[in-house]
Amino acid sequence: MKSIRQTEQLEKNKKKTTEERRQDILEAALNIFTEKGYNGSTTAEIAKAAGVAEGTIFRHFATKKELLIAVLKPKILTGIISLDKEQEDPVEFFRCFLKNRLELIKENDGLVRFMFAEAQYHDEVREALSNGILGDGINIVKPWFNKGVEEGVFKPIPFPAMMRSFMGMVLFYGIFNHVFPGFSPEKTIDEAADQILELFLNGLLIK
């Protein structure tokens, strides 16, 4: 027999719009993926956490991998898309991009750890990240690098090498700062972004 609270929740769920149910599913999936990993999560428990029938999930997302992409994509790409529309200068784009990635890591620590841990061992997660998300991000960032090269601001080094080094500095700083809080002297993300970018663009040597 359903409790009064369960009955009230069911009635509340019936009144939700399709988009509201979709967002409930995404929020529940994010929490469960982060807590239990990709293989350890089931659509049945995601549906239960979202307060919907399991079939409702598959009306929105054809597969669990498609659901994973829908969970991660906005988190990873929304900030880059906004920067792409707002900036004009290549250096300023990378400064804001760096800051945005540091904020992403700080605000979504569990999600970032989930991505890297799961991608190491599960082809399905790695494929979802590579083809469904990271490729789109690279397609936004690369023209800014090319613009910097064309304007004589950046050296014409291979883009993959530049991107790997840039993101390596960002990710290591973000993760290291979380594991060892208080170790880094920077008081704000802005300050950290400026220092990392200074090292990335100009190096350690006095010219």
C-alpha atoms as a PDB file:
ATOM      1  CA  MET A   1       0.000   0.000   0.000  1.00  0.00           C
ATOM      2  CA  LYS A   2       1.344   3.418  -0.976  1.00  0.00           C
ATOM      3  CA  SER A   3       1.945   5.957   1.783  1.00  0.00           C
ATOM      4  CA  ILE A   4       0.329   9.397   1.684  1.00  0.00           C
ATOM      5  CA  ARG A   5       3.702  10.918   0.784  1.00  0.00           C
ATOM      6  CA  GLN A   6       4.198   8.486  -2.138  1.00  0.00           C
ATOM      7  CA  THR A   7       0.689   9.226  -3.389  1.00  0.00           C
ATOM      8  CA  GLU A   8       1.312  12.966  -3.209  1.00  0.00           C
ATOM      9  CA  GLN A   9       4.604  12.558  -5.064  1.00  0.00           C
ATOM     10  CA  LEU A  10       2.909  10.531  -7.811  1.00  0.00           C
ATOM     11  CA  GLU A  11       0.258  13.213  -8.230  1.00  0.00           C
ATOM     12  CA  LYS A  12       2.946  15.879  -8.354  1.00  0.00           C
ATOM     13  CA  ASN A  13       4.879  13.938 -11.000  1.00  0.00           C
ATOM     14  CA  LYS A  14       1.770  13.617 -13.169  1.00  0.00           C
ATOM     15  CA  LYS A  15       1.557  17.415 -13.368  1.00  0.00           C
ATOM     16  CA  LYS A  16       5.157  17.849 -14.550  1.00  0.00           C
ATOM     17  CA  THR A  17       5.910  18.817 -18.139  1.00  0.00           C
ATOM     18  CA  THR A  18       7.921  16.575 -20.442  1.00  0.00           C
ATOM     19  CA  GLU A  19      10.954  18.841 -20.068  1.00  0.00           C
ATOM     20  CA  GLU A  20      10.677  18.823 -16.269  1.00  0.00           C
ATOM     21  CA  ARG A  21      10.637  15.010 -16.265  1.00  0.00           C
ATOM     22  CA  ARG A  22      13.646  14.992 -18.577  1.00  0.00           C
ATOM     23  CA  GLN A  23      15.551  17.260 -16.198  1.00  0.00           C
ATOM     24  CA  ASP A  24      14.585  15.039 -13.240  1.00  0.00           C
ATOM     25  CA  ILE A  25      16.026  12.051 -15.104  1.00  0.00           C
ATOM     26  CA  LEU A  26      19.261  13.899 -15.910  1.00  0.00           C
ATOM     27  CA  GLU A  27      19.716  15.022 -12.299  1.00  0.00           C
ATOM     28  CA  ALA A  28      19.079  11.526 -10.965  1.00  0.00           C
ATOM     29  CA  ALA A  29      21.424  10.000 -13.551  1.00  0.00           C
ATOM     30  CA  LEU A  30      24.195  12.453 -12.659  1.00  0.00           C
ATOM     31  CA  ASN A  31      23.960  11.553  -8.967  1.00  0.00           C
ATOM     32  CA  ILE A  32      23.839   7.799  -9.538  1.00  0.00           C
ATOM     33  CA  PHE A  33      26.547   7.706 -12.226  1.00  0.00           C
ATOM     34  CA  THR A  34      28.838   9.707  -9.940  1.00  0.00           C
ATOM     35  CA  GLU A  35      28.099   7.516  -6.930  1.00  0.00           C
ATOM     36  CA  LYS A  36      28.102   4.051  -8.519  1.00  0.00           C
ATOM     37  CA  GLY A  37      29.951   4.412 -11.815  1.00  0.00           C
ATOM     38  CA  TYR A  38      28.613   3.741 -15.278  1.00  0.00           C
ATOM     39  CA  ASN A  39      28.469  -0.063 -15.173  1.00  0.00           C
ATOM     40  CA  GLY A  40      27.262  -0.062 -11.585  1.00  0.00           C
ATOM     41  CA  SER A  41      24.258   2.122 -12.409  1.00  0.00           C
ATOM     42  CA  THR A  42      20.993   0.829 -13.845  1.00  0.00           C
ATOM     43  CA  THR A  43      18.220   2.684 -15.619  1.00  0.00           C
ATOM     44  CA  ALA A  44      15.801   1.108 -13.130  1.00  0.00           C
ATOM     45  CA  GLU A  45      17.407   2.836 -10.145  1.00  0.00           C
ATOM     46  CA  ILE A  46      17.804   6.078 -12.096  1.00  0.00           C
ATOM     47  CA  ALA A  47      14.080   5.948 -12.891  1.00  0.00           C
ATOM     48  CA  LYS A  48      13.252   5.301  -9.227  1.00  0.00           C
ATOM     49  CA  ALA A  49      15.394   8.246  -8.116  1.00  0.00           C
ATOM     50  CA  ALA A  50      13.775  10.482 -10.733  1.00  0.00           C
ATOM     51  CA  GLY A  51      10.281   9.396  -9.740  1.00  0.00           C
ATOM     52  CA  VAL A  52       9.400   8.066 -13.200  1.00  0.00           C
ATOM     53  CA  ALA A  53       8.777   4.696 -14.797  1.00  0.00           C
ATOM     54  CA  GLU A  54      11.831   3.067 -16.384  1.00  0.00           C
ATOM     55  CA  GLY A  55      10.114   3.220 -19.760  1.00  0.00           C
ATOM     56  CA  THR A  56       9.978   7.009 -19.464  1.00  0.00           C
ATOM     57  CA  ILE A  57      13.770   7.125 -19.569  1.00  0.00           C
ATOM     58  CA  PHE A  58      13.812   5.317 -22.904  1.00  0.00           C
ATOM     59  CA  ARG A  59      11.239   7.705 -24.326  1.00  0.00           C
ATOM     60  CA  HIS A  60      13.829  10.435 -23.824  1.00  0.00           C
ATOM     61  CA  PHE A  61      17.081   8.501 -24.306  1.00  0.00           C
ATOM     62  CA  ALA A  62      17.449   5.470 -26.562  1.00  0.00           C
ATOM     63  CA  THR A  63      20.351   3.935 -24.606  1.00  0.00           C
ATOM     64  CA  LYS A  64      22.191   4.350 -21.322  1.00  0.00           C
ATOM     65  CA  LYS A  65      25.147   5.760 -23.283  1.00  0.00           C
ATOM     66  CA  GLU A  66      22.893   8.401 -24.822  1.00  0.00           C
ATOM     67  CA  LEU A  67      21.722   9.276 -21.316  1.00  0.00           C
ATOM     68  CA  LEU A  68      25.350   9.580 -20.175  1.00  0.00           C
ATOM     69  CA  ILE A  69      26.136  11.976 -23.035  1.00  0.00           C
ATOM     70  CA  ALA A  70      23.050  14.050 -22.191  1.00  0.00           C
ATOM     71  CA  VAL A  71      24.228  14.272 -18.561  1.00  0.00           C
ATOM     72  CA  LEU A  72      27.811  15.280 -19.352  1.00  0.00           C
ATOM     73  CA  LYS A  73      27.439  17.430 -22.457  1.00  0.00           C
ATOM     74  CA  PRO A  74      25.841  20.528 -20.897  1.00  0.00           C
ATOM     75  CA  LYS A  75      28.300  20.471 -18.002  1.00  0.00           C
ATOM     76  CA  ILE A  76      31.325  20.333 -20.298  1.00  0.00           C
ATOM     77  CA  LEU A  77      30.238  22.359 -23.313  1.00  0.00           C
ATOM     78  CA  THR A  78      27.884  25.108 -22.112  1.00  0.00           C
ATOM     79  CA  GLY A  79      30.690  27.315 -20.785  1.00  0.00           C
ATOM     80  CA  ILE A  80      32.772  26.954 -23.957  1.00  0.00           C
ATOM     81  CA  ILE A  81      29.808  27.765 -26.182  1.00  0.00           C
ATOM     82  CA  SER A  82      29.144  30.940 -24.194  1.00  0.00           C
ATOM     83  CA  LEU A  83      32.792  32.022 -24.412  1.00  0.00           C
ATOM     84  CA  ASP A  84      32.818  31.406 -28.150  1.00  0.00           C
ATOM     85  CA  LYS A  85      29.997  33.935 -28.528  1.00  0.00           C
ATOM     86  CA  GLU A  86      31.356  36.508 -26.085  1.00  0.00           C
ATOM     87  CA  GLN A  87      35.080  36.823 -26.880  1.00  0.00           C
ATOM     88  CA  GLU A  88      36.997  38.463 -29.715  1.00  0.00           C
ATOM     89  CA  ASP A  89      40.641  38.159 -28.660  1.00  0.00           C
ATOM     90  CA  PRO A  90      42.360  34.713 -28.769  1.00  0.00           C
ATOM     91  CA  VAL A  91      44.411  35.288 -25.609  1.00  0.00           C
ATOM     92  CA  GLU A  92      41.362  36.483 -23.683  1.00  0.00           C
ATOM     93  CA  PHE A  93      39.401  33.478 -24.956  1.00  0.00           C
ATOM     94  CA  PHE A  94      42.006  31.093 -23.529  1.00  0.00           C
ATOM     95  CA  ARG A  95      42.155  33.048 -20.270  1.00  0.00           C
ATOM     96  CA  CYS A  96      38.389  32.772 -19.830  1.00  0.00           C
ATOM     97  CA  PHE A  97      38.401  29.171 -21.051  1.00  0.00           C
ATOM     98  CA  LEU A  98      41.001  28.270 -18.426  1.00  0.00           C
ATOM     99  CA  LYS A  99      39.020  29.989 -15.679  1.00  0.00           C
ATOM    100  CA  ASN A 100      35.834  28.264 -16.813  1.00  0.00           C
ATOM    101  CA  ARG A 101      37.487  24.825 -16.686  1.00  0.00           C
ATOM    102  CA  LEU A 102      38.838  25.479 -13.180  1.00  0.00           C
ATOM    103  CA  GLU A 103      35.355  26.481 -12.035  1.00  0.00           C
ATOM    104  CA  LEU A 104      33.924  23.356 -13.684  1.00  0.00           C
ATOM    105  CA  ILE A 105      36.355  21.119 -11.790  1.00  0.00           C
ATOM    106  CA  LYS A 106      35.734  22.918  -8.490  1.00  0.00           C
ATOM    107  CA  GLU A 107      31.941  22.737  -8.772  1.00  0.00           C
ATOM    108  CA  ASN A 108      31.749  19.211 -10.211  1.00  0.00           C
ATOM    109  CA  ASP A 109      34.561  17.326  -8.509  1.00  0.00           C
ATOM    110  CA  GLY A 110      32.657  14.038  -8.339  1.00  0.00           C
ATOM    111  CA  LEU A 111      31.696  14.275 -11.993  1.00  0.00           C
ATOM    112  CA  VAL A 112      35.280  14.940 -13.125  1.00  0.00           C
ATOM    113  CA  ARG A 113      36.614  12.018 -11.111  1.00  0.00           C
ATOM    114  CA  PHE A 114      33.855   9.823 -12.538  1.00  0.00           C
ATOM    115  CA  MET A 115      34.764  10.792 -16.111  1.00  0.00           C
ATOM    116  CA  PHE A 116      38.437   9.973 -15.797  1.00  0.00           C
ATOM    117  CA  ALA A 117      38.024   6.850 -13.687  1.00  0.00           C
ATOM    118  CA  GLU A 118      35.327   5.358 -15.917  1.00  0.00           C
ATOM    119  CA  ALA A 119      36.966   6.323 -19.219  1.00  0.00           C
ATOM    120  CA  GLN A 120      40.074   4.340 -18.249  1.00  0.00           C
ATOM    121  CA  TYR A 121      38.220   1.055 -17.999  1.00  0.00           C
ATOM    122  CA  HIS A 122      35.028   1.290 -20.046  1.00  0.00           C
ATOM    123  CA  ASP A 123      35.101   1.673 -23.825  1.00  0.00           C
ATOM    124  CA  GLU A 124      31.502   2.856 -23.866  1.00  0.00           C
ATOM    125  CA  VAL A 125      32.250   5.784 -21.558  1.00  0.00           C
ATOM    126  CA  ARG A 126      35.460   6.644 -23.417  1.00  0.00           C
ATOM    127  CA  GLU A 127      33.616   6.597 -26.740  1.00  0.00           C
ATOM    128  CA  ALA A 128      30.803   8.755 -25.345  1.00  0.00           C
ATOM    129  CA  LEU A 129      33.318  11.337 -24.147  1.00  0.00           C
ATOM    130  CA  SER A 130      35.497  11.286 -27.265  1.00  0.00           C
ATOM    131  CA  ASN A 131      32.837  11.262 -29.955  1.00  0.00           C
ATOM    132  CA  GLY A 132      29.835  12.742 -28.212  1.00  0.00           C
ATOM    133  CA  ILE A 133      31.415  15.589 -26.242  1.00  0.00           C
ATOM    134  CA  LEU A 134      35.158  16.293 -26.468  1.00  0.00           C
ATOM    135  CA  GLY A 135      35.121  16.471 -30.248  1.00  0.00           C
ATOM    136  CA  ASP A 136      32.506  19.220 -30.106  1.00  0.00           C
ATOM    137  CA  GLY A 137      34.589  21.149 -27.589  1.00  0.00           C
ATOM    138  CA  ILE A 138      37.715  20.881 -29.732  1.00  0.00           C
ATOM    139  CA  ASN A 139      35.774  22.169 -32.736  1.00  0.00           C
ATOM    140  CA  ILE A 140      35.018  25.317 -30.731  1.00  0.00           C
ATOM    141  CA  VAL A 141      38.517  25.848 -29.312  1.00  0.00           C
ATOM    142  CA  LYS A 142      40.595  25.085 -32.431  1.00  0.00           C
ATOM    143  CA  PRO A 143      39.461  28.135 -34.481  1.00  0.00           C
ATOM    144  CA  TRP A 144      40.558  30.393 -31.623  1.00  0.00           C
ATOM    145  CA  PHE A 145      44.015  28.827 -31.659  1.00  0.00           C
ATOM    146  CA  ASN A 146      44.153  29.163 -35.442  1.00  0.00           C
ATOM    147  CA  LYS A 147      43.122  32.806 -35.161  1.00  0.00           C
ATOM    148  CA  GLY A 148      45.945  33.422 -32.691  1.00  0.00           C
ATOM    149  CA  VAL A 149      48.430  31.811 -35.088  1.00  0.00           C
ATOM    150  CA  GLU A 150      47.126  33.867 -38.021  1.00  0.00           C
ATOM    151  CA  GLU A 151      47.428  37.076 -35.994  1.00  0.00           C
ATOM    152  CA  GLY A 152      51.009  36.209 -35.004  1.00  0.00           C
ATOM    153  CA  VAL A 153      50.102  35.876 -31.319  1.00  0.00           C
ATOM    154  CA  PHE A 154      50.600  32.087 -30.983  1.00  0.00           C
ATOM    155  CA  LYS A 155      53.381  29.895 -32.323  1.00  0.00           C
ATOM    156  CA  PRO A 156      52.243  27.564 -35.144  1.00  0.00           C
ATOM    157  CA  ILE A 157      52.757  24.358 -33.159  1.00  0.00           C
ATOM    158  CA  PRO A 158      50.470  21.341 -33.745  1.00  0.00           C
ATOM    159  CA  PHE A 159      47.079  21.975 -32.180  1.00  0.00           C
ATOM    160  CA  PRO A 160      46.778  18.535 -30.445  1.00  0.00           C
ATOM    161  CA  ALA A 161      50.090  19.095 -28.632  1.00  0.00           C
ATOM    162  CA  MET A 162      49.018  22.573 -27.542  1.00  0.00           C
ATOM    163  CA  MET A 163      45.620  21.370 -26.355  1.00  0.00           C
ATOM    164  CA  ARG A 164      47.072  18.406 -24.464  1.00  0.00           C
ATOM    165  CA  SER A 165      49.553  20.636 -22.613  1.00  0.00           C
ATOM    166  CA  PHE A 166      46.975  23.332 -21.898  1.00  0.00           C
ATOM    167  CA  MET A 167      44.364  20.957 -20.510  1.00  0.00           C
ATOM    168  CA  GLY A 168      47.038  19.012 -18.627  1.00  0.00           C
ATOM    169  CA  MET A 169      47.940  22.136 -16.652  1.00  0.00           C
ATOM    170  CA  VAL A 170      44.289  22.954 -16.000  1.00  0.00           C
ATOM    171  CA  LEU A 171      43.228  19.474 -14.939  1.00  0.00           C
ATOM    172  CA  PHE A 172      46.243  18.793 -12.752  1.00  0.00           C
ATOM    173  CA  TYR A 173      45.859  22.112 -10.955  1.00  0.00           C
ATOM    174  CA  GLY A 174      42.141  21.563 -10.401  1.00  0.00           C
ATOM    175  CA  ILE A 175      42.477  18.003  -9.158  1.00  0.00           C
ATOM    176  CA  PHE A 176      45.639  18.635  -7.124  1.00  0.00           C
ATOM    177  CA  ASN A 177      44.050  21.641  -5.433  1.00  0.00           C
ATOM    178  CA  HIS A 178      41.065  19.499  -4.448  1.00  0.00           C
ATOM    179  CA  VAL A 179      43.159  16.625  -3.088  1.00  0.00           C
ATOM    180  CA  PHE A 180      45.473  18.992  -1.186  1.00  0.00           C
ATOM    181  CA  PRO A 181      43.264  21.952  -0.215  1.00  0.00           C
ATOM    182  CA  GLY A 182      45.175  24.957   0.988  1.00  0.00           C
ATOM    183  CA  PHE A 183      48.429  23.869  -0.673  1.00  0.00           C
ATOM    184  CA  SER A 184      48.113  26.384  -3.515  1.00  0.00           C
ATOM    185  CA  PRO A 185      48.696  30.025  -2.513  1.00  0.00           C
ATOM    186  CA  GLU A 186      46.165  31.531  -4.956  1.00  0.00           C
ATOM    187  CA  LYS A 187      43.128  32.941  -3.177  1.00  0.00           C
ATOM    188  CA  THR A 188      40.782  33.013  -6.177  1.00  0.00           C
ATOM    189  CA  ILE A 189      40.196  31.124  -9.414  1.00  0.00           C
ATOM    190  CA  ASP A 190      40.929  34.342 -11.324  1.00  0.00           C
ATOM    191  CA  GLU A 191      44.355  34.525  -9.729  1.00  0.00           C
ATOM    192  CA  ALA A 192      45.046  30.865 -10.438  1.00  0.00           C
ATOM    193  CA  ALA A 193      43.905  31.223 -14.059  1.00  0.00           C
ATOM    194  CA  ASP A 194      46.180  34.235 -14.599  1.00  0.00           C
ATOM    195  CA  GLN A 195      49.220  32.433 -13.178  1.00  0.00           C
ATOM    196  CA  ILE A 196      48.639  29.236 -15.141  1.00  0.00           C
ATOM    197  CA  LEU A 197      48.109  31.181 -18.361  1.00  0.00           C
ATOM    198  CA  GLU A 198      51.238  33.238 -17.739  1.00  0.00           C
ATOM    199  CA  LEU A 199      53.283  30.049 -17.391  1.00  0.00           C
ATOM    200  CA  PHE A 200      51.592  28.447 -20.382  1.00  0.00           C
ATOM    201  CA  LEU A 201      52.061  31.410 -22.707  1.00  0.00           C
ATOM    202  CA  ASN A 202      55.453  32.740 -21.543  1.00  0.00           C
ATOM    203  CA  GLY A 203      57.120  29.860 -19.722  1.00  0.00           C
ATOM    204  CA  LEU A 204      59.481  29.979 -16.771  1.00  0.00           C
ATOM    205  CA  LEU A 205      62.581  31.399 -18.425  1.00  0.00           C
ATOM    206  CA  ILE A 206      63.333  35.117 -18.319  1.00  0.00           C
ATOM    207  CA  LYS A 207      63.630  36.316 -21.903  1.00  0.00           C
END
